[in-house]
Amino acid sequence: MVIPLGKQVPDEHHPTESLRHGVVWGADGISLAETRTATRDLLARAGHPPEHQVSQDAQLVVSELVTNALRHAPGPGGLLLEVLPDAPARLRVTVHDTSPQAPRLRVPDPRRVGGHGIHLLTRLCDRLDTDHRAEGKRVTAEIHLPLPLPDPCLLEGDSRVR
C-alpha cells in the first residue's frame, strides 16, 4: 500500500520554494515504475524534461535506492524527492527503511550478478550519505541540476507565440 505524504507537486511553482513528492510504503512495497514516473514528473515541472540526461540519471538513482530498501529492509519505508532551488539547484532523494545496515561498496566483480548499484550511485550523485536512526537508516543522494532550458514557446520572436 502506498500512502502519499502531505505536499505533492504544487500546481504553481515559485522559484524560491522547493518542489516535493513523497510516498511511504508498507510490507507490500512500492512500484518502481511509480517512483520513476514521480521523479520524471517532478523534474519536468522544474524544467528538466524526461529526455534530458539529468532526468534519466535521477530515475536510475531513485530506482537503485528504492530497490535496495525493498530488497534489504523488512517492513515499511519511504521516499522523498525534493528539487531544491538554491544555487546550484539540486535534486535531493531521501529513502528511509528499517534496516540498520548501511549500503556497502563491494569489490567490483564483472562475473557477479548484482552488487554494483553503489558504484553506479557514487558516479551519478554529487553527494551520497547514510544517516543511522533508531528505527533503521536514511540514505540521501543529491544530484546537481543544470539550469533548465527555457520553454521554446516563450522565446522572443518564436512564431508560435501570438
C-alpha atoms as a PDB file:
ATOM      1  CA  MET A   1       0.000   0.000   0.000  1.00  0.00           C
ATOM      2  CA  VAL A   2       1.326   3.438  -0.952  1.00  0.00           C
ATOM      3  CA  ILE A   3       0.296   6.401   1.184  1.00  0.00           C
ATOM      4  CA  PRO A   4       1.021   9.839  -0.321  1.00  0.00           C
ATOM      5  CA  LEU A   5       2.637  12.322   2.039  1.00  0.00           C
ATOM      6  CA  GLY A   6       1.387  15.861   2.638  1.00  0.00           C
ATOM      7  CA  LYS A   7       2.565  18.240  -0.043  1.00  0.00           C
ATOM      8  CA  GLN A   8       2.856  16.836  -3.528  1.00  0.00           C
ATOM      9  CA  VAL A   9       3.966  18.792  -6.577  1.00  0.00           C
ATOM     10  CA  PRO A  10       2.169  22.143  -6.320  1.00  0.00           C
ATOM     11  CA  ASP A  11       0.015  23.495  -9.158  1.00  0.00           C
ATOM     12  CA  GLU A  12       2.014  26.706  -9.224  1.00  0.00           C
ATOM     13  CA  HIS A  13       5.776  26.687  -8.716  1.00  0.00           C
ATOM     14  CA  HIS A  14       7.594  29.678  -7.293  1.00  0.00           C
ATOM     15  CA  PRO A  15      11.391  29.718  -7.793  1.00  0.00           C
ATOM     16  CA  THR A  16      12.038  30.220  -4.089  1.00  0.00           C
ATOM     17  CA  GLU A  17      10.136  27.142  -2.941  1.00  0.00           C
ATOM     18  CA  SER A  18      11.131  23.541  -3.415  1.00  0.00           C
ATOM     19  CA  LEU A  19       9.109  21.069  -5.443  1.00  0.00           C
ATOM     20  CA  ARG A  20       8.451  17.909  -3.443  1.00  0.00           C
ATOM     21  CA  HIS A  21       6.982  14.459  -3.799  1.00  0.00           C
ATOM     22  CA  GLY A  22       6.852  11.850  -1.067  1.00  0.00           C
ATOM     23  CA  VAL A  23       5.428   8.383  -0.560  1.00  0.00           C
ATOM     24  CA  VAL A  24       5.620   5.760   2.157  1.00  0.00           C
ATOM     25  CA  TRP A  25       5.056   2.042   1.776  1.00  0.00           C
ATOM     26  CA  GLY A  26       4.271  -0.900   3.985  1.00  0.00           C
ATOM     27  CA  ALA A  27       5.163  -4.577   3.777  1.00  0.00           C
ATOM     28  CA  ASP A  28       3.778  -4.791   0.232  1.00  0.00           C
ATOM     29  CA  GLY A  29       6.452  -2.418  -1.087  1.00  0.00           C
ATOM     30  CA  ILE A  30       6.046   0.094  -3.893  1.00  0.00           C
ATOM     31  CA  SER A  31       6.111   0.014  -7.675  1.00  0.00           C
ATOM     32  CA  LEU A  32       9.490   1.069  -9.079  1.00  0.00           C
ATOM     33  CA  ALA A  33       7.682   2.320 -12.183  1.00  0.00           C
ATOM     34  CA  GLU A  34       5.697   4.710  -9.968  1.00  0.00           C
ATOM     35  CA  THR A  35       8.872   6.046  -8.363  1.00  0.00           C
ATOM     36  CA  ARG A  36      10.462   6.636 -11.773  1.00  0.00           C
ATOM     37  CA  THR A  37       7.302   8.372 -13.012  1.00  0.00           C
ATOM     38  CA  ALA A  38       7.219  10.602  -9.930  1.00  0.00           C
ATOM     39  CA  THR A  39      10.875  11.535 -10.473  1.00  0.00           C
ATOM     40  CA  ARG A  40      10.322  12.222 -14.157  1.00  0.00           C
ATOM     41  CA  ASP A  41       7.224  14.377 -13.469  1.00  0.00           C
ATOM     42  CA  LEU A  42       8.866  16.360 -10.672  1.00  0.00           C
ATOM     43  CA  LEU A  43      11.935  17.170 -12.759  1.00  0.00           C
ATOM     44  CA  ALA A  44       9.772  18.095 -15.749  1.00  0.00           C
ATOM     45  CA  ARG A  45       7.957  20.610 -13.532  1.00  0.00           C
ATOM     46  CA  ALA A  46      11.386  22.041 -12.659  1.00  0.00           C
ATOM     47  CA  GLY A  47      12.310  22.445 -16.342  1.00  0.00           C
ATOM     48  CA  HIS A  48      14.156  19.171 -16.929  1.00  0.00           C
ATOM     49  CA  PRO A  49      12.100  17.063 -19.375  1.00  0.00           C
ATOM     50  CA  PRO A  50      12.390  13.250 -19.459  1.00  0.00           C
ATOM     51  CA  GLU A  51      14.730  13.273 -22.449  1.00  0.00           C
ATOM     52  CA  HIS A  52      17.361  15.261 -20.511  1.00  0.00           C
ATOM     53  CA  GLN A  53      20.254  13.230 -19.149  1.00  0.00           C
ATOM     54  CA  VAL A  54      19.757  14.551 -15.601  1.00  0.00           C
ATOM     55  CA  SER A  55      16.180  13.194 -15.576  1.00  0.00           C
ATOM     56  CA  GLN A  56      17.326   9.787 -16.784  1.00  0.00           C
ATOM     57  CA  ASP A  57      20.170   9.690 -14.249  1.00  0.00           C
ATOM     58  CA  ALA A  58      17.810  10.714 -11.438  1.00  0.00           C
ATOM     59  CA  GLN A  59      15.342   7.967 -12.340  1.00  0.00           C
ATOM     60  CA  LEU A  60      18.168   5.439 -12.167  1.00  0.00           C
ATOM     61  CA  VAL A  61      19.300   6.759  -8.765  1.00  0.00           C
ATOM     62  CA  VAL A  62      15.758   6.585  -7.355  1.00  0.00           C
ATOM     63  CA  SER A  63      15.242   3.066  -8.732  1.00  0.00           C
ATOM     64  CA  GLU A  64      18.503   1.869  -7.212  1.00  0.00           C
ATOM     65  CA  LEU A  65      17.876   3.366  -3.760  1.00  0.00           C
ATOM     66  CA  VAL A  66      14.275   2.124  -3.566  1.00  0.00           C
ATOM     67  CA  THR A  67      15.262  -1.326  -4.871  1.00  0.00           C
ATOM     68  CA  ASN A  68      17.912  -1.596  -2.161  1.00  0.00           C
ATOM     69  CA  ALA A  69      15.394  -0.592   0.509  1.00  0.00           C
ATOM     70  CA  LEU A  70      12.852  -3.145  -0.734  1.00  0.00           C
ATOM     71  CA  ARG A  71      15.433  -5.908  -1.080  1.00  0.00           C
ATOM     72  CA  HIS A  72      17.395  -5.448   2.144  1.00  0.00           C
ATOM     73  CA  ALA A  73      14.958  -3.989   4.686  1.00  0.00           C
ATOM     74  CA  PRO A  74      11.901  -5.608   6.206  1.00  0.00           C
ATOM     75  CA  GLY A  75       8.738  -3.618   6.624  1.00  0.00           C
ATOM     76  CA  PRO A  76       7.885  -0.028   5.816  1.00  0.00           C
ATOM     77  CA  GLY A  77       9.929   2.573   4.000  1.00  0.00           C
ATOM     78  CA  GLY A  78       9.614   5.934   2.349  1.00  0.00           C
ATOM     79  CA  LEU A  79      10.839   8.111  -0.463  1.00  0.00           C
ATOM     80  CA  LEU A  80      11.084  11.902  -0.527  1.00  0.00           C
ATOM     81  CA  LEU A  81      12.073  13.775  -3.693  1.00  0.00           C
ATOM     82  CA  GLU A  82      12.890  17.474  -3.427  1.00  0.00           C
ATOM     83  CA  VAL A  83      14.034  19.926  -6.081  1.00  0.00           C
ATOM     84  CA  LEU A  84      15.949  22.493  -4.074  1.00  0.00           C
ATOM     85  CA  PRO A  85      16.179  25.894  -5.751  1.00  0.00           C
ATOM     86  CA  ASP A  86      19.332  27.222  -4.055  1.00  0.00           C
ATOM     87  CA  ALA A  87      22.376  27.767  -6.212  1.00  0.00           C
ATOM     88  CA  PRO A  88      23.302  25.387  -7.572  1.00  0.00           C
ATOM     89  CA  ALA A  89      19.860  23.785  -7.835  1.00  0.00           C
ATOM     90  CA  ARG A  90      19.785  20.110  -6.981  1.00  0.00           C
ATOM     91  CA  LEU A  91      17.552  17.103  -6.623  1.00  0.00           C
ATOM     92  CA  ARG A  92      17.636  15.538  -3.164  1.00  0.00           C
ATOM     93  CA  VAL A  93      16.478  11.913  -2.974  1.00  0.00           C
ATOM     94  CA  THR A  94      15.899  10.518   0.513  1.00  0.00           C
ATOM     95  CA  VAL A  95      14.952   6.891   1.136  1.00  0.00           C
ATOM     96  CA  HIS A  96      14.325   5.563   4.619  1.00  0.00           C
ATOM     97  CA  ASP A  97      13.924   1.939   5.620  1.00  0.00           C
ATOM     98  CA  THR A  98      14.060  -0.298   8.679  1.00  0.00           C
ATOM     99  CA  SER A  99      17.446  -1.931   8.091  1.00  0.00           C
ATOM    100  CA  PRO A 100      20.331  -0.748  10.273  1.00  0.00           C
ATOM    101  CA  GLN A 101      22.827  -1.896   7.589  1.00  0.00           C
ATOM    102  CA  ALA A 102      24.361   0.916   5.538  1.00  0.00           C
ATOM    103  CA  PRO A 103      24.783   0.321   1.811  1.00  0.00           C
ATOM    104  CA  ARG A 104      28.252  -1.052   1.239  1.00  0.00           C
ATOM    105  CA  LEU A 105      30.623  -0.696  -1.633  1.00  0.00           C
ATOM    106  CA  ARG A 106      31.584  -4.176  -2.795  1.00  0.00           C
ATOM    107  CA  VAL A 107      34.685  -5.060  -4.739  1.00  0.00           C
ATOM    108  CA  PRO A 108      33.745  -4.932  -8.429  1.00  0.00           C
ATOM    109  CA  ASP A 109      33.312  -8.355  -9.990  1.00  0.00           C
ATOM    110  CA  PRO A 110      32.024  -8.450 -13.574  1.00  0.00           C
ATOM    111  CA  ARG A 111      31.024 -12.108 -13.096  1.00  0.00           C
ATOM    112  CA  ARG A 112      28.693 -11.282 -10.173  1.00  0.00           C
ATOM    113  CA  VAL A 113      25.030 -10.513 -10.787  1.00  0.00           C
ATOM    114  CA  GLY A 114      24.036  -7.586  -8.582  1.00  0.00           C
ATOM    115  CA  GLY A 115      26.039  -5.671  -6.040  1.00  0.00           C
ATOM    116  CA  HIS A 116      27.047  -2.913  -8.462  1.00  0.00           C
ATOM    117  CA  GLY A 117      24.462  -0.286  -7.512  1.00  0.00           C
ATOM    118  CA  ILE A 118      26.518   1.710  -5.034  1.00  0.00           C
ATOM    119  CA  HIS A 119      29.305   2.076  -7.612  1.00  0.00           C
ATOM    120  CA  LEU A 120      26.724   3.477 -10.001  1.00  0.00           C
ATOM    121  CA  LEU A 121      25.308   5.835  -7.362  1.00  0.00           C
ATOM    122  CA  THR A 122      28.732   7.228  -6.491  1.00  0.00           C
ATOM    123  CA  ARG A 123      29.244   8.079 -10.167  1.00  0.00           C
ATOM    124  CA  LEU A 124      25.840   9.712 -10.705  1.00  0.00           C
ATOM    125  CA  CYS A 125      25.423  11.566  -7.410  1.00  0.00           C
ATOM    126  CA  ASP A 126      27.231  14.616  -6.129  1.00  0.00           C
ATOM    127  CA  ARG A 127      26.521  13.514  -2.561  1.00  0.00           C
ATOM    128  CA  LEU A 128      25.568  10.173  -1.014  1.00  0.00           C
ATOM    129  CA  ASP A 129      25.132   9.876   2.770  1.00  0.00           C
ATOM    130  CA  THR A 130      23.683   7.376   5.206  1.00  0.00           C
ATOM    131  CA  ASP A 131      22.166   8.537   8.471  1.00  0.00           C
ATOM    132  CA  HIS A 132      21.597   5.811  11.063  1.00  0.00           C
ATOM    133  CA  ARG A 133      18.427   6.128  13.110  1.00  0.00           C
ATOM    134  CA  ALA A 134      16.838   4.140  15.923  1.00  0.00           C
ATOM    135  CA  GLU A 135      14.294   2.646  13.511  1.00  0.00           C
ATOM    136  CA  GLY A 136      16.712   1.960  10.622  1.00  0.00           C
ATOM    137  CA  LYS A 137      18.507   4.330   8.296  1.00  0.00           C
ATOM    138  CA  ARG A 138      18.025   7.173   5.878  1.00  0.00           C
ATOM    139  CA  VAL A 139      20.039   7.285   2.653  1.00  0.00           C
ATOM    140  CA  THR A 140      20.260  10.691   0.972  1.00  0.00           C
ATOM    141  CA  ALA A 141      21.577  11.326  -2.514  1.00  0.00           C
ATOM    142  CA  GLU A 142      21.919  14.678  -4.247  1.00  0.00           C
ATOM    143  CA  ILE A 143      22.261  15.426  -7.941  1.00  0.00           C
ATOM    144  CA  HIS A 144      23.128  18.935  -9.104  1.00  0.00           C
ATOM    145  CA  LEU A 145      20.702  20.193 -11.727  1.00  0.00           C
ATOM    146  CA  PRO A 146      21.827  22.283 -14.685  1.00  0.00           C
ATOM    147  CA  LEU A 147      19.929  25.459 -15.450  1.00  0.00           C
ATOM    148  CA  PRO A 148      16.628  24.442 -17.020  1.00  0.00           C
ATOM    149  CA  LEU A 149      16.138  25.242 -20.678  1.00  0.00           C
ATOM    150  CA  PRO A 150      13.522  27.908 -21.385  1.00  0.00           C
ATOM    151  CA  ASP A 151      10.217  26.853 -22.890  1.00  0.00           C
ATOM    152  CA  PRO A 152      10.703  27.334 -26.653  1.00  0.00           C
ATOM    153  CA  CYS A 153       7.170  28.740 -26.911  1.00  0.00           C
ATOM    154  CA  LEU A 154       8.173  31.622 -24.654  1.00  0.00           C
ATOM    155  CA  LEU A 155      11.263  32.670 -26.579  1.00  0.00           C
ATOM    156  CA  GLU A 156      11.011  36.121 -28.126  1.00  0.00           C
ATOM    157  CA  GLY A 157      10.469  36.001 -31.860  1.00  0.00           C
ATOM    158  CA  ASP A 158       9.059  32.476 -31.764  1.00  0.00           C
ATOM    159  CA  SER A 159       6.408  32.253 -34.484  1.00  0.00           C
ATOM    160  CA  ARG A 160       4.263  30.072 -32.207  1.00  0.00           C
ATOM    161  CA  VAL A 161       3.859  32.921 -29.691  1.00  0.00           C
ATOM    162  CA  ARG A 162       0.895  35.166 -30.605  1.00  0.00           C
END
